Amino acid sequence: MNNCCFIIILIMTSLLQISSASAESAKDNYRTYCMQCHGMAGQGMGLNIQDMSVQPRDHTDTKAMSTRTDSELFKVIKEGGLAISKSSLMPPWADTLTDNEIDDLVKHLRKLCQCDNQTK
């Protein structure tokens, strides 16, 4: 194998590892910051719902989640529910998560809802 092919394979392998790490990090962040309200499986049935006046979003609801763009999802995670005229119970995570982590969470939400990425 020549050096050019080896370098290309090395780069592709590195990119796959980074992508896999980002997906795993997004799952961890979802468990840490979202699960209490949205539940382990993302169905809006977290531990906190008994004390909430508004039912958290079901992230597995393909129809409802498909109506939200990636930019709206990013904004609500970063700035909280009021930023997109939703519940004030959804806290802003801007001081906790980086923009890259929020982007990864948006991708994770798209996997949960099994809906295509929407334009920003």
Protein backbone atom coordinates (compact mmCIF):
# COMPACT_ATOMS: atom_id res chain seq x y z
CA MET A 1 0.00 0.00 0.00
CA ASN A 2 1.43 3.37 -0.89
CA ASN A 3 1.76 6.23 1.59
CA CYS A 4 -1.13 8.21 0.10
CA CYS A 5 -3.64 5.39 0.65
CA PHE A 6 -2.32 4.79 4.15
CA ILE A 7 -2.76 8.47 5.07
CA ILE A 8 -6.30 8.53 3.69
CA ILE A 9 -7.22 5.41 5.68
CA LEU A 10 -5.66 6.92 8.81
CA ILE A 11 -7.64 10.15 8.39
CA MET A 12 -10.92 8.30 7.76
CA THR A 13 -10.37 6.11 10.83
CA SER A 14 -9.70 9.18 12.97
CA LEU A 15 -12.85 10.91 11.72
CA LEU A 16 -14.96 7.85 12.52
CA GLN A 17 -13.52 7.70 16.03
CA ILE A 18 -14.25 11.40 16.60
CA SER A 19 -17.81 10.96 15.32
CA SER A 20 -18.32 7.95 17.58
CA ALA A 21 -16.92 9.85 20.58
CA SER A 22 -19.23 12.81 19.86
CA ALA A 23 -22.26 10.51 19.70
CA GLU A 24 -21.27 8.85 22.98
CA SER A 25 -20.68 12.24 24.60
CA ALA A 26 -24.12 13.42 23.42
CA LYS A 27 -25.73 10.34 24.99
CA ASP A 28 -23.89 11.06 28.24
CA ASN A 29 -24.95 14.72 28.18
CA TYR A 30 -28.55 13.68 27.47
CA ARG A 31 -28.47 11.33 30.46
CA THR A 32 -26.93 14.02 32.66
CA TYR A 33 -28.95 17.09 31.69
CA CYS A 34 -32.14 15.93 29.92
CA MET A 35 -33.16 12.59 31.37
CA GLN A 36 -34.66 13.99 34.59
CA CYS A 37 -37.48 15.61 32.63
CA HIS A 38 -37.51 13.85 29.26
CA GLY A 39 -36.86 10.33 30.61
CA MET A 40 -34.31 7.61 29.93
CA ALA A 41 -35.76 6.84 26.49
CA GLY A 42 -36.67 10.47 25.71
CA GLN A 43 -40.43 9.90 25.88
CA GLY A 44 -41.12 12.86 28.19
CA MET A 45 -41.61 10.68 31.25
CA GLY A 46 -38.70 11.70 33.49
CA LEU A 47 -38.54 11.67 37.27
CA ASN A 48 -39.36 15.37 37.56
CA ILE A 49 -42.70 15.29 35.69
CA GLN A 50 -44.78 14.80 38.82
CA ASP A 51 -43.75 18.30 39.93
CA MET A 52 -44.10 19.96 36.50
CA SER A 53 -47.11 21.91 35.28
CA VAL A 54 -46.12 21.27 31.64
CA GLN A 55 -45.42 17.82 30.16
CA PRO A 56 -41.85 17.69 28.76
CA ARG A 57 -41.44 17.11 25.03
CA ASP A 58 -41.47 13.48 23.86
CA HIS A 59 -38.23 13.33 21.86
CA THR A 60 -39.29 10.04 20.27
CA ASP A 61 -42.39 11.61 18.67
CA THR A 62 -41.33 11.74 15.01
CA LYS A 63 -44.26 13.89 13.90
CA ALA A 64 -43.84 16.57 16.58
CA MET A 65 -40.03 16.62 16.45
CA SER A 66 -40.08 16.92 12.65
CA THR A 67 -41.81 20.28 12.99
CA ARG A 68 -38.74 21.73 14.74
CA THR A 69 -35.65 22.81 12.84
CA ASP A 70 -32.17 22.04 14.05
CA SER A 71 -31.67 25.74 14.77
CA GLU A 72 -34.79 25.80 16.98
CA LEU A 73 -33.58 22.74 18.88
CA PHE A 74 -30.14 24.32 19.27
CA LYS A 75 -31.69 27.57 20.50
CA VAL A 76 -34.00 25.92 23.05
CA ILE A 77 -31.12 23.87 24.48
CA LYS A 78 -28.81 26.87 24.61
CA GLU A 79 -31.27 29.60 25.69
CA GLY A 80 -34.14 27.70 27.31
CA GLY A 81 -37.82 27.22 26.52
CA LEU A 82 -38.80 30.87 26.52
CA ALA A 83 -36.34 31.51 23.66
CA ILE A 84 -38.74 29.70 21.31
CA SER A 85 -41.97 30.63 23.11
CA LYS A 86 -42.14 27.36 25.03
CA SER A 87 -42.15 26.51 28.74
CA SER A 88 -39.96 28.41 31.17
CA LEU A 89 -39.37 25.04 32.84
CA MET A 90 -36.90 24.19 30.06
CA PRO A 91 -33.67 25.71 31.41
CA PRO A 92 -30.94 27.32 29.31
CA TRP A 93 -27.75 25.24 29.09
CA ALA A 94 -25.47 27.91 27.55
CA ASP A 95 -23.34 28.14 30.69
CA THR A 96 -22.98 24.35 30.92
CA LEU A 97 -22.65 23.03 27.36
CA THR A 98 -20.46 24.23 24.50
CA ASP A 99 -21.95 24.96 21.10
CA ASN A 100 -20.35 21.73 19.81
CA GLU A 101 -21.95 19.73 22.62
CA ILE A 102 -25.31 21.33 21.84
CA ASP A 103 -24.89 20.48 18.13
CA ASP A 104 -24.19 16.88 19.16
CA LEU A 105 -27.30 16.87 21.37
CA VAL A 106 -29.39 18.06 18.42
CA LYS A 107 -28.03 15.13 16.39
CA HIS A 108 -28.87 12.81 19.29
CA LEU A 109 -32.43 14.16 19.38
CA ARG A 110 -32.75 13.43 15.65
CA LYS A 111 -31.73 9.84 16.35
CA LEU A 112 -34.28 9.56 19.15
CA CYS A 113 -37.11 10.82 16.95
CA GLN A 114 -35.89 8.94 13.90
CA CYS A 115 -36.51 12.06 11.89
CA ASP A 116 -34.25 13.67 9.32
CA ASN A 117 -32.11 16.63 10.18
CA GLN A 118 -33.87 19.86 9.45
CA THR A 119 -32.23 22.91 7.97
CA LYS A 120 -30.76 25.49 10.28
